[in-house]
C-alpha cells in the first residue's frame, strides 16, 4: 500500500496552544498543536460551515467563532451544540521537523 502522508507544515511553524488552517487538495484542514502534540481535523464547523481556525483553542477544545460549538481536536467529537456532527479527523505523523497528514 503506498504511503498517503503529505507534508503540510514544519513543527516550528506552530507553537503549543496554536492552530492554523491549511488548504490542500480542495480541503480545509485545521492543524492544532496541543502541548507539543499535533492534531488535524476538518477546519469547517459542521453546524454552519464557519472556519474553526478563526475560533479559539483551549487545550484539546476548539471553539467555533460563529455560534460557539466546541469540538475535541484529538477525536473530532462534538462537545457543545449547536453542532451535532463530529469533525473528520486525519492521522498525523512527524518526520524530523516535518508534519505530515494522511488525507484519506
PDB file of N, CA and C in Angstrom:
ATOM      1  N   UNK A   1       0.853  -1.193   0.000  1.00  0.00           N
ATOM      2  CA  UNK A   1       0.000   0.000   0.000  1.00  0.00           C
ATOM      3  C   UNK A   1       0.891   1.247   0.000  1.00  0.00           C
ATOM      4  N   UNK A   2       0.671   2.184  -0.908  1.00  0.00           N
ATOM      5  CA  UNK A   2       1.503   3.387  -0.974  1.00  0.00           C
ATOM      6  C   UNK A   2       1.299   4.285   0.246  1.00  0.00           C
ATOM      7  N   UNK A   3       2.360   5.026   0.563  1.00  0.00           N
ATOM      8  CA  UNK A   3       2.305   5.972   1.680  1.00  0.00           C
ATOM      9  C   UNK A   3       1.426   7.149   1.273  1.00  0.00           C
ATOM     10  N   UNK A   4       0.436   7.475   2.084  1.00  0.00           N
ATOM     11  CA  UNK A   4      -0.504   8.550   1.746  1.00  0.00           C
ATOM     12  C   UNK A   4      -0.282   9.817   2.560  1.00  0.00           C
ATOM     13  N   UNK A   5       0.780   9.869   3.327  1.00  0.00           N
ATOM     14  CA  UNK A   5       1.043  11.041   4.148  1.00  0.00           C
ATOM     15  C   UNK A   5       1.665  12.149   3.306  1.00  0.00           C
ATOM     16  N   UNK A   6       1.181  13.382   3.526  1.00  0.00           N
ATOM     17  CA  UNK A   6       1.628  14.555   2.786  1.00  0.00           C
ATOM     18  C   UNK A   6       2.152  15.587   3.781  1.00  0.00           C
ATOM     19  N   UNK A   7       3.304  16.178   3.466  1.00  0.00           N
ATOM     20  CA  UNK A   7       3.847  17.235   4.323  1.00  0.00           C
ATOM     21  C   UNK A   7       2.953  18.467   4.231  1.00  0.00           C
ATOM     22  N   UNK A   8       2.569  18.996   5.416  1.00  0.00           N
ATOM     23  CA  UNK A   8       1.702  20.175   5.435  1.00  0.00           C
ATOM     24  C   UNK A   8       2.325  21.368   6.153  1.00  0.00           C
ATOM     25  N   UNK A   9       3.349  21.113   6.979  1.00  0.00           N
ATOM     26  CA  UNK A   9       3.967  22.200   7.741  1.00  0.00           C
ATOM     27  C   UNK A   9       5.234  21.684   8.411  1.00  0.00           C
ATOM     28  N   UNK A  10       5.955  22.602   9.042  1.00  0.00           N
ATOM     29  CA  UNK A  10       7.104  22.251   9.877  1.00  0.00           C
ATOM     30  C   UNK A  10       6.704  22.452  11.333  1.00  0.00           C
ATOM     31  N   UNK A  11       7.254  21.636  12.204  1.00  0.00           N
ATOM     32  CA  UNK A  11       6.886  21.690  13.624  1.00  0.00           C
ATOM     33  C   UNK A  11       7.089  23.072  14.236  1.00  0.00           C
ATOM     34  N   UNK A  12       8.161  23.771  13.825  1.00  0.00           N
ATOM     35  CA  UNK A  12       8.438  25.074  14.435  1.00  0.00           C
ATOM     36  C   UNK A  12       7.524  26.191  13.928  1.00  0.00           C
ATOM     37  N   UNK A  13       6.654  25.897  12.976  1.00  0.00           N
ATOM     38  CA  UNK A  13       5.700  26.891  12.470  1.00  0.00           C
ATOM     39  C   UNK A  13       4.497  27.073  13.386  1.00  0.00           C
ATOM     40  N   UNK A  14       4.259  26.116  14.281  1.00  0.00           N
ATOM     41  CA  UNK A  14       3.036  26.130  15.080  1.00  0.00           C
ATOM     42  C   UNK A  14       3.379  25.842  16.538  1.00  0.00           C
ATOM     43  N   UNK A  15       3.369  26.875  17.349  1.00  0.00           N
ATOM     44  CA  UNK A  15       3.720  26.742  18.761  1.00  0.00           C
ATOM     45  C   UNK A  15       2.598  26.060  19.542  1.00  0.00           C
ATOM     46  N   UNK A  16       2.925  25.458  20.696  1.00  0.00           N
ATOM     47  CA  UNK A  16       1.883  24.839  21.535  1.00  0.00           C
ATOM     48  C   UNK A  16       0.765  25.833  21.856  1.00  0.00           C
ATOM     49  N   UNK A  17      -0.468  25.353  21.777  1.00  0.00           N
ATOM     50  CA  UNK A  17      -1.630  26.197  22.041  1.00  0.00           C
ATOM     51  C   UNK A  17      -2.118  26.976  20.835  1.00  0.00           C
ATOM     52  N   UNK A  18      -1.474  26.770  19.691  1.00  0.00           N
ATOM     53  CA  UNK A  18      -1.845  27.497  18.469  1.00  0.00           C
ATOM     54  C   UNK A  18      -2.434  26.539  17.436  1.00  0.00           C
ATOM     55  N   UNK A  19      -3.132  27.108  16.475  1.00  0.00           N
ATOM     56  CA  UNK A  19      -3.717  26.327  15.385  1.00  0.00           C
ATOM     57  C   UNK A  19      -3.702  27.176  14.129  1.00  0.00           C
ATOM     58  N   UNK A  20      -3.814  26.507  12.987  1.00  0.00           N
ATOM     59  CA  UNK A  20      -3.891  27.245  11.723  1.00  0.00           C
ATOM     60  C   UNK A  20      -4.626  26.407  10.697  1.00  0.00           C
ATOM     61  N   UNK A  21      -5.102  27.094   9.689  1.00  0.00           N
ATOM     62  CA  UNK A  21      -5.809  26.439   8.583  1.00  0.00           C
ATOM     63  C   UNK A  21      -4.819  26.139   7.471  1.00  0.00           C
ATOM     64  N   UNK A  22      -4.993  24.962   6.890  1.00  0.00           N
ATOM     65  CA  UNK A  22      -4.194  24.550   5.747  1.00  0.00           C
ATOM     66  C   UNK A  22      -5.168  24.165   4.636  1.00  0.00           C
ATOM     67  N   UNK A  23      -4.963  24.713   3.461  1.00  0.00           N
ATOM     68  CA  UNK A  23      -5.778  24.354   2.297  1.00  0.00           C
ATOM     69  C   UNK A  23      -4.963  23.418   1.421  1.00  0.00           C
ATOM     70  N   UNK A  24      -5.454  22.194   1.250  1.00  0.00           N
ATOM     71  CA  UNK A  24      -4.722  21.206   0.462  1.00  0.00           C
ATOM     72  C   UNK A  24      -5.697  20.285  -0.262  1.00  0.00           C
ATOM     73  N   UNK A  25      -5.454  20.077  -1.521  1.00  0.00           N
ATOM     74  CA  UNK A  25      -6.301  19.199  -2.344  1.00  0.00           C
ATOM     75  C   UNK A  25      -7.786  19.541  -2.229  1.00  0.00           C
ATOM     76  N   UNK A  26      -8.116  20.836  -2.185  1.00  0.00           N
ATOM     77  CA  UNK A  26      -9.506  21.264  -2.108  1.00  0.00           C
ATOM     78  C   UNK A  26     -10.144  21.094  -0.744  1.00  0.00           C
ATOM     79  N   UNK A  27      -9.333  20.786   0.263  1.00  0.00           N
ATOM     80  CA  UNK A  27      -9.863  20.598   1.625  1.00  0.00           C
ATOM     81  C   UNK A  27      -9.318  21.671   2.556  1.00  0.00           C
ATOM     82  N   UNK A  28     -10.163  22.049   3.502  1.00  0.00           N
ATOM     83  CA  UNK A  28      -9.741  22.988   4.549  1.00  0.00           C
ATOM     84  C   UNK A  28      -9.456  22.153   5.795  1.00  0.00           C
ATOM     85  N   UNK A  29      -8.195  22.139   6.211  1.00  0.00           N
ATOM     86  CA  UNK A  29      -7.745  21.323   7.337  1.00  0.00           C
ATOM     87  C   UNK A  29      -7.334  22.244   8.481  1.00  0.00           C
ATOM     88  N   UNK A  30      -7.739  21.883   9.693  1.00  0.00           N
ATOM     89  CA  UNK A  30      -7.298  22.583  10.897  1.00  0.00           C
ATOM     90  C   UNK A  30      -6.147  21.785  11.485  1.00  0.00           C
ATOM     91  N   UNK A  31      -4.998  22.432  11.655  1.00  0.00           N
ATOM     92  CA  UNK A  31      -3.843  21.814  12.291  1.00  0.00           C
ATOM     93  C   UNK A  31      -3.653  22.492  13.637  1.00  0.00           C
ATOM     94  N   UNK A  32      -3.632  21.704  14.710  1.00  0.00           N
ATOM     95  CA  UNK A  32      -3.527  22.253  16.065  1.00  0.00           C
ATOM     96  C   UNK A  32      -2.355  21.619  16.799  1.00  0.00           C
ATOM     97  N   UNK A  33      -1.667  22.437  17.596  1.00  0.00           N
ATOM     98  CA  UNK A  33      -0.583  21.960  18.452  1.00  0.00           C
ATOM     99  C   UNK A  33      -1.084  22.017  19.885  1.00  0.00           C
ATOM    100  N   UNK A  34      -1.297  20.854  20.484  1.00  0.00           N
ATOM    101  CA  UNK A  34      -1.773  20.761  21.868  1.00  0.00           C
ATOM    102  C   UNK A  34      -0.629  20.211  22.710  1.00  0.00           C
ATOM    103  N   UNK A  35       0.044  21.094  23.437  1.00  0.00           N
ATOM    104  CA  UNK A  35       1.149  20.704  24.321  1.00  0.00           C
ATOM    105  C   UNK A  35       2.208  19.887  23.579  1.00  0.00           C
ATOM    106  N   UNK A  36       2.513  20.286  22.347  1.00  0.00           N
ATOM    107  CA  UNK A  36       3.553  19.622  21.575  1.00  0.00           C
ATOM    108  C   UNK A  36       3.093  18.437  20.752  1.00  0.00           C
ATOM    109  N   UNK A  37       1.815  18.101  20.820  1.00  0.00           N
ATOM    110  CA  UNK A  37       1.246  17.010  20.018  1.00  0.00           C
ATOM    111  C   UNK A  37       0.354  17.642  18.950  1.00  0.00           C
ATOM    112  N   UNK A  38       0.549  17.222  17.705  1.00  0.00           N
ATOM    113  CA  UNK A  38      -0.188  17.812  16.590  1.00  0.00           C
ATOM    114  C   UNK A  38      -1.403  16.974  16.226  1.00  0.00           C
ATOM    115  N   UNK A  39      -2.515  17.669  15.954  1.00  0.00           N
ATOM    116  CA  UNK A  39      -3.766  17.029  15.550  1.00  0.00           C
ATOM    117  C   UNK A  39      -4.285  17.733  14.303  1.00  0.00           C
ATOM    118  N   UNK A  40      -4.970  16.979  13.451  1.00  0.00           N
ATOM    119  CA  UNK A  40      -5.557  17.548  12.234  1.00  0.00           C
ATOM    120  C   UNK A  40      -7.010  17.107  12.125  1.00  0.00           C
ATOM    121  N   UNK A  41      -7.883  18.085  11.882  1.00  0.00           N
ATOM    122  CA  UNK A  41      -9.309  17.818  11.673  1.00  0.00           C
ATOM    123  C   UNK A  41      -9.778  18.666  10.497  1.00  0.00           C
ATOM    124  N   UNK A  42     -11.016  18.449  10.099  1.00  0.00           N
ATOM    125  CA  UNK A  42     -11.634  19.370   9.146  1.00  0.00           C
ATOM    126  C   UNK A  42     -11.687  20.746   9.806  1.00  0.00           C
ATOM    127  N   UNK A  43     -11.463  21.796   9.032  1.00  0.00           N
ATOM    128  CA  UNK A  43     -11.491  23.161   9.572  1.00  0.00           C
ATOM    129  C   UNK A  43     -12.896  23.751   9.554  1.00  0.00           C
ATOM    130  N   UNK A  44     -13.835  23.087   8.925  1.00  0.00           N
ATOM    131  CA  UNK A  44     -15.179  23.623   8.759  1.00  0.00           C
ATOM    132  C   UNK A  44     -16.119  23.109   9.838  1.00  0.00           C
ATOM    133  N   UNK A  45     -16.732  24.028  10.582  1.00  0.00           N
ATOM    134  CA  UNK A  45     -17.712  23.648  11.601  1.00  0.00           C
ATOM    135  C   UNK A  45     -18.867  22.907  10.933  1.00  0.00           C
ATOM    136  N   UNK A  46     -19.309  21.841  11.551  1.00  0.00           N
ATOM    137  CA  UNK A  46     -20.391  21.037  10.979  1.00  0.00           C
ATOM    138  C   UNK A  46     -21.768  21.665  11.177  1.00  0.00           C
ATOM    139  N   UNK A  47     -21.834  22.791  11.877  1.00  0.00           N
ATOM    140  CA  UNK A  47     -23.116  23.466  12.085  1.00  0.00           C
ATOM    141  C   UNK A  47     -23.431  24.402  10.926  1.00  0.00           C
ATOM    142  N   UNK A  48     -22.591  25.432  10.724  1.00  0.00           N
ATOM    143  CA  UNK A  48     -22.872  26.397   9.657  1.00  0.00           C
ATOM    144  C   UNK A  48     -21.641  26.766   8.848  1.00  0.00           C
ATOM    145  N   UNK A  49     -20.694  25.852   8.790  1.00  0.00           N
ATOM    146  CA  UNK A  49     -19.545  25.949   7.902  1.00  0.00           C
ATOM    147  C   UNK A  49     -18.587  27.102   8.171  1.00  0.00           C
ATOM    148  N   UNK A  50     -18.502  27.581   9.394  1.00  0.00           N
ATOM    149  CA  UNK A  50     -17.512  28.598   9.744  1.00  0.00           C
ATOM    150  C   UNK A  50     -16.132  27.950   9.826  1.00  0.00           C
ATOM    151  N   UNK A  51     -15.096  28.750   9.627  1.00  0.00           N
ATOM    152  CA  UNK A  51     -13.722  28.262   9.736  1.00  0.00           C
ATOM    153  C   UNK A  51     -13.330  28.185  11.209  1.00  0.00           C
ATOM    154  N   UNK A  52     -13.054  26.977  11.680  1.00  0.00           N
ATOM    155  CA  UNK A  52     -12.698  26.788  13.090  1.00  0.00           C
ATOM    156  C   UNK A  52     -11.363  27.432  13.436  1.00  0.00           C
ATOM    157  N   UNK A  53     -10.478  27.569  12.458  1.00  0.00           N
ATOM    158  CA  UNK A  53      -9.179  28.189  12.729  1.00  0.00           C
ATOM    159  C   UNK A  53      -9.324  29.658  13.109  1.00  0.00           C
ATOM    160  N   UNK A  54     -10.478  30.264  12.843  1.00  0.00           N
ATOM    161  CA  UNK A  54     -10.757  31.640  13.261  1.00  0.00           C
ATOM    162  C   UNK A  54     -11.317  31.681  14.680  1.00  0.00           C
ATOM    163  N   UNK A  55     -11.513  30.521  15.279  1.00  0.00           N
ATOM    164  CA  UNK A  55     -12.038  30.431  16.642  1.00  0.00           C
ATOM    165  C   UNK A  55     -10.918  30.407  17.661  1.00  0.00           C
ATOM    166  N   UNK A  56     -11.155  29.720  18.775  1.00  0.00           N
ATOM    167  CA  UNK A  56     -10.155  29.665  19.839  1.00  0.00           C
ATOM    168  C   UNK A  56      -9.856  28.220  20.208  1.00  0.00           C
ATOM    169  N   UNK A  57      -8.626  28.005  20.681  1.00  0.00           N
ATOM    170  CA  UNK A  57      -8.172  26.685  21.097  1.00  0.00           C
ATOM    171  C   UNK A  57      -7.801  26.747  22.567  1.00  0.00           C
ATOM    172  N   UNK A  58      -8.407  25.877  23.351  1.00  0.00           N
ATOM    173  CA  UNK A  58      -8.100  25.794  24.779  1.00  0.00           C
ATOM    174  C   UNK A  58      -7.898  24.316  25.092  1.00  0.00           C
ATOM    175  N   UNK A  59      -6.642  23.921  25.325  1.00  0.00           N
ATOM    176  CA  UNK A  59      -6.344  22.508  25.490  1.00  0.00           C
ATOM    177  C   UNK A  59      -6.680  21.784  24.200  1.00  0.00           C
ATOM    178  N   UNK A  60      -7.450  20.702  24.304  1.00  0.00           N
ATOM    179  CA  UNK A  60      -7.862  19.931  23.121  1.00  0.00           C
ATOM    180  C   UNK A  60      -9.155  20.449  22.497  1.00  0.00           C
ATOM    181  N   UNK A  61      -9.713  21.529  23.036  1.00  0.00           N
ATOM    182  CA  UNK A  61     -11.020  22.008  22.574  1.00  0.00           C
ATOM    183  C   UNK A  61     -10.902  23.226  21.666  1.00  0.00           C
ATOM    184  N   UNK A  62     -11.520  23.117  20.497  1.00  0.00           N
ATOM    185  CA  UNK A  62     -11.601  24.253  19.589  1.00  0.00           C
ATOM    186  C   UNK A  62     -13.043  24.755  19.617  1.00  0.00           C
ATOM    187  N   UNK A  63     -13.175  26.085  19.683  1.00  0.00           N
ATOM    188  CA  UNK A  63     -14.495  26.711  19.739  1.00  0.00           C
ATOM    189  C   UNK A  63     -14.760  27.444  18.434  1.00  0.00           C
ATOM    190  N   UNK A  64     -15.912  27.162  17.844  1.00  0.00           N
ATOM    191  CA  UNK A  64     -16.316  27.819  16.607  1.00  0.00           C
ATOM    192  C   UNK A  64     -16.570  29.306  16.873  1.00  0.00           C
ATOM    193  N   UNK A  65     -16.057  30.188  15.999  1.00  0.00           N
ATOM    194  CA  UNK A  65     -16.251  31.619  16.212  1.00  0.00           C
ATOM    195  C   UNK A  65     -17.671  32.103  15.918  1.00  0.00           C
ATOM    196  N   UNK A  66     -18.466  31.301  15.226  1.00  0.00           N
ATOM    197  CA  UNK A  66     -19.791  31.754  14.805  1.00  0.00           C
ATOM    198  C   UNK A  66     -20.860  31.551  15.879  1.00  0.00           C
ATOM    199  N   UNK A  67     -21.070  30.330  16.318  1.00  0.00           N
ATOM    200  CA  UNK A  67     -22.126  30.049  17.297  1.00  0.00           C
ATOM    201  C   UNK A  67     -21.635  29.333  18.548  1.00  0.00           C
ATOM    202  N   UNK A  68     -20.323  29.135  18.683  1.00  0.00           N
ATOM    203  CA  UNK A  68     -19.770  28.593  19.921  1.00  0.00           C
ATOM    204  C   UNK A  68     -19.737  27.083  20.051  1.00  0.00           C
ATOM    205  N   UNK A  69     -20.024  26.351  18.992  1.00  0.00           N
ATOM    206  CA  UNK A  69     -19.884  24.893  19.076  1.00  0.00           C
ATOM    207  C   UNK A  69     -18.448  24.560  19.467  1.00  0.00           C
ATOM    208  N   UNK A  70     -18.291  23.502  20.246  1.00  0.00           N
ATOM    209  CA  UNK A  70     -16.949  23.075  20.657  1.00  0.00           C
ATOM    210  C   UNK A  70     -16.709  21.644  20.200  1.00  0.00           C
ATOM    211  N   UNK A  71     -15.463  21.412  19.777  1.00  0.00           N
ATOM    212  CA  UNK A  71     -15.048  20.098  19.296  1.00  0.00           C
ATOM    213  C   UNK A  71     -13.726  19.715  19.948  1.00  0.00           C
ATOM    214  N   UNK A  72     -13.513  18.421  20.128  1.00  0.00           N
ATOM    215  CA  UNK A  72     -12.231  17.916  20.591  1.00  0.00           C
ATOM    216  C   UNK A  72     -11.362  17.696  19.352  1.00  0.00           C
ATOM    217  N   UNK A  73     -10.197  18.356  19.287  1.00  0.00           N
ATOM    218  CA  UNK A  73      -9.353  18.236  18.096  1.00  0.00           C
ATOM    219  C   UNK A  73      -8.661  16.875  18.019  1.00  0.00           C
ATOM    220  N   UNK A  74      -8.576  16.167  19.116  1.00  0.00           N
ATOM    221  CA  UNK A  74      -7.957  14.837  19.109  1.00  0.00           C
ATOM    222  C   UNK A  74      -8.888  13.803  18.494  1.00  0.00           C
ATOM    223  N   UNK A  75     -10.184  13.894  18.847  1.00  0.00           N
ATOM    224  CA  UNK A  75     -11.158  12.883  18.416  1.00  0.00           C
ATOM    225  C   UNK A  75     -12.145  13.386  17.366  1.00  0.00           C
ATOM    226  N   UNK A  76     -12.295  14.709  17.237  1.00  0.00           N
ATOM    227  CA  UNK A  76     -13.293  15.293  16.343  1.00  0.00           C
ATOM    228  C   UNK A  76     -14.684  15.361  16.951  1.00  0.00           C
ATOM    229  N   UNK A  77     -14.827  14.860  18.164  1.00  0.00           N
ATOM    230  CA  UNK A  77     -16.142  14.772  18.812  1.00  0.00           C
ATOM    231  C   UNK A  77     -16.733  16.141  19.130  1.00  0.00           C
ATOM    232  N   UNK A  78     -18.036  16.293  18.856  1.00  0.00           N
ATOM    233  CA  UNK A  78     -18.776  17.498  19.254  1.00  0.00           C
ATOM    234  C   UNK A  78     -18.970  17.442  20.766  1.00  0.00           C
ATOM    235  N   UNK A  79     -18.599  18.517  21.455  1.00  0.00           N
ATOM    236  CA  UNK A  79     -18.765  18.568  22.901  1.00  0.00           C
ATOM    237  C   UNK A  79     -19.779  19.605  23.340  1.00  0.00           C
ATOM    238  N   UNK A  80     -20.113  20.513  22.428  1.00  0.00           N
ATOM    239  CA  UNK A  80     -21.105  21.543  22.758  1.00  0.00           C
ATOM    240  C   UNK A  80     -21.844  21.945  21.492  1.00  0.00           C
ATOM    241  N   UNK A  81     -23.151  21.982  21.576  1.00  0.00           N
ATOM    242  CA  UNK A  81     -24.008  22.373  20.450  1.00  0.00           C
ATOM    243  C   UNK A  81     -23.855  23.862  20.169  1.00  0.00           C
ATOM    244  N   UNK A  82     -24.328  24.337  19.029  1.00  0.00           N
ATOM    245  CA  UNK A  82     -25.400  23.765  18.227  1.00  0.00           C
ATOM    246  C   UNK A  82     -24.963  22.684  17.230  1.00  0.00           C
ATOM    247  N   UNK A  83     -23.662  22.513  16.959  1.00  0.00           N
ATOM    248  CA  UNK A  83     -23.247  21.446  16.043  1.00  0.00           C
ATOM    249  C   UNK A  83     -23.649  20.092  16.614  1.00  0.00           C
ATOM    250  N   UNK A  84     -24.006  19.175  15.732  1.00  0.00           N
ATOM    251  CA  UNK A  84     -24.395  17.825  16.150  1.00  0.00           C
ATOM    252  C   UNK A  84     -23.531  16.751  15.505  1.00  0.00           C
ATOM    253  N   UNK A  85     -22.807  17.104  14.450  1.00  0.00           N
ATOM    254  CA  UNK A  85     -21.999  16.130  13.711  1.00  0.00           C
ATOM    255  C   UNK A  85     -20.520  16.311  14.048  1.00  0.00           C
ATOM    256  N   UNK A  86     -19.830  15.211  14.315  1.00  0.00           N
ATOM    257  CA  UNK A  86     -18.403  15.249  14.629  1.00  0.00           C
ATOM    258  C   UNK A  86     -17.588  15.716  13.427  1.00  0.00           C
ATOM    259  N   UNK A  87     -16.376  16.185  13.701  1.00  0.00           N
ATOM    260  CA  UNK A  87     -15.446  16.579  12.650  1.00  0.00           C
ATOM    261  C   UNK A  87     -14.696  15.365  12.124  1.00  0.00           C
ATOM    262  N   UNK A  88     -14.341  15.396  10.859  1.00  0.00           N
ATOM    263  CA  UNK A  88     -13.441  14.383  10.314  1.00  0.00           C
ATOM    264  C   UNK A  88     -12.058  14.647  10.892  1.00  0.00           C
ATOM    265  N   UNK A  89     -11.369  13.597  11.300  1.00  0.00           N
ATOM    266  CA  UNK A  89     -10.001  13.718  11.792  1.00  0.00           C
ATOM    267  C   UNK A  89      -9.053  13.057  10.797  1.00  0.00           C
ATOM    268  N   UNK A  90      -7.807  13.483  10.839  1.00  0.00           N
ATOM    269  CA  UNK A  90      -6.777  12.960   9.945  1.00  0.00           C
ATOM    270  C   UNK A  90      -5.589  12.484  10.777  1.00  0.00           C
ATOM    271  N   UNK A  91      -5.015  11.364  10.374  1.00  0.00           N
ATOM    272  CA  UNK A  91      -3.818  10.851  11.049  1.00  0.00           C
ATOM    273  C   UNK A  91      -2.663  11.815  10.808  1.00  0.00           C
ATOM    274  N   UNK A  92      -1.862  12.031  11.858  1.00  0.00           N
ATOM    275  CA  UNK A  92      -0.713  12.933  11.788  1.00  0.00           C
ATOM    276  C   UNK A  92       0.543  12.130  12.102  1.00  0.00           C
ATOM    277  N   UNK A  93       1.600  12.428  11.370  1.00  0.00           N
ATOM    278  CA  UNK A  93       2.889  11.785  11.614  1.00  0.00           C
ATOM    279  C   UNK A  93       3.967  12.861  11.562  1.00  0.00           C
ATOM    280  N   UNK A  94       4.956  12.736  12.431  1.00  0.00           N
ATOM    281  CA  UNK A  94       6.085  13.662  12.449  1.00  0.00           C
ATOM    282  C   UNK A  94       7.303  12.924  11.900  1.00  0.00           C
ATOM    283  N   UNK A  95       7.985  13.541  10.953  1.00  0.00           N
ATOM    284  CA  UNK A  95       9.237  13.011  10.419  1.00  0.00           C
ATOM    285  C   UNK A  95      10.267  14.121  10.506  1.00  0.00           C
ATOM    286  N   UNK A  96      11.196  13.980  11.444  1.00  0.00           N
ATOM    287  CA  UNK A  96      12.159  15.049  11.687  1.00  0.00           C
ATOM    288  C   UNK A  96      11.409  16.266  12.192  1.00  0.00           C
ATOM    289  N   UNK A  97      11.462  17.351  11.434  1.00  0.00           N
ATOM    290  CA  UNK A  97      10.741  18.584  11.787  1.00  0.00           C
ATOM    291  C   UNK A  97       9.481  18.774  10.950  1.00  0.00           C
ATOM    292  N   UNK A  98       9.160  17.803  10.121  1.00  0.00           N
ATOM    293  CA  UNK A  98       8.017  17.918   9.217  1.00  0.00           C
ATOM    294  C   UNK A  98       6.753  17.312   9.815  1.00  0.00           C
ATOM    295  N   UNK A  99       5.625  17.998   9.599  1.00  0.00           N
ATOM    296  CA  UNK A  99       4.310  17.487   9.994  1.00  0.00           C
ATOM    297  C   UNK A  99       3.650  16.951   8.730  1.00  0.00           C
ATOM    298  N   UNK A 100       3.248  15.696   8.783  1.00  0.00           N
ATOM    299  CA  UNK A 100       2.587  15.053   7.651  1.00  0.00           C
ATOM    300  C   UNK A 100       1.210  14.585   8.082  1.00  0.00           C
ATOM    301  N   UNK A 101       0.249  14.665   7.171  1.00  0.00           N
ATOM    302  CA  UNK A 101      -1.083  14.136   7.469  1.00  0.00           C
ATOM    303  C   UNK A 101      -1.527  13.203   6.349  1.00  0.00           C
ATOM    304  N   UNK A 102      -2.394  12.279   6.716  1.00  0.00           N
ATOM    305  CA  UNK A 102      -2.982  11.331   5.775  1.00  0.00           C
ATOM    306  C   UNK A 102      -4.369  11.852   5.418  1.00  0.00           C
ATOM    307  N   UNK A 103      -4.573  12.243   4.184  1.00  0.00           N
ATOM    308  CA  UNK A 103      -5.838  12.844   3.761  1.00  0.00           C
ATOM    309  C   UNK A 103      -6.944  11.831   3.488  1.00  0.00           C
ATOM    310  N   UNK A 104      -6.669  10.543   3.638  1.00  0.00           N
ATOM    311  CA  UNK A 104      -7.710   9.537   3.375  1.00  0.00           C
ATOM    312  C   UNK A 104      -8.655   9.408   4.541  1.00  0.00           C
TER     313      UNK A 104
END
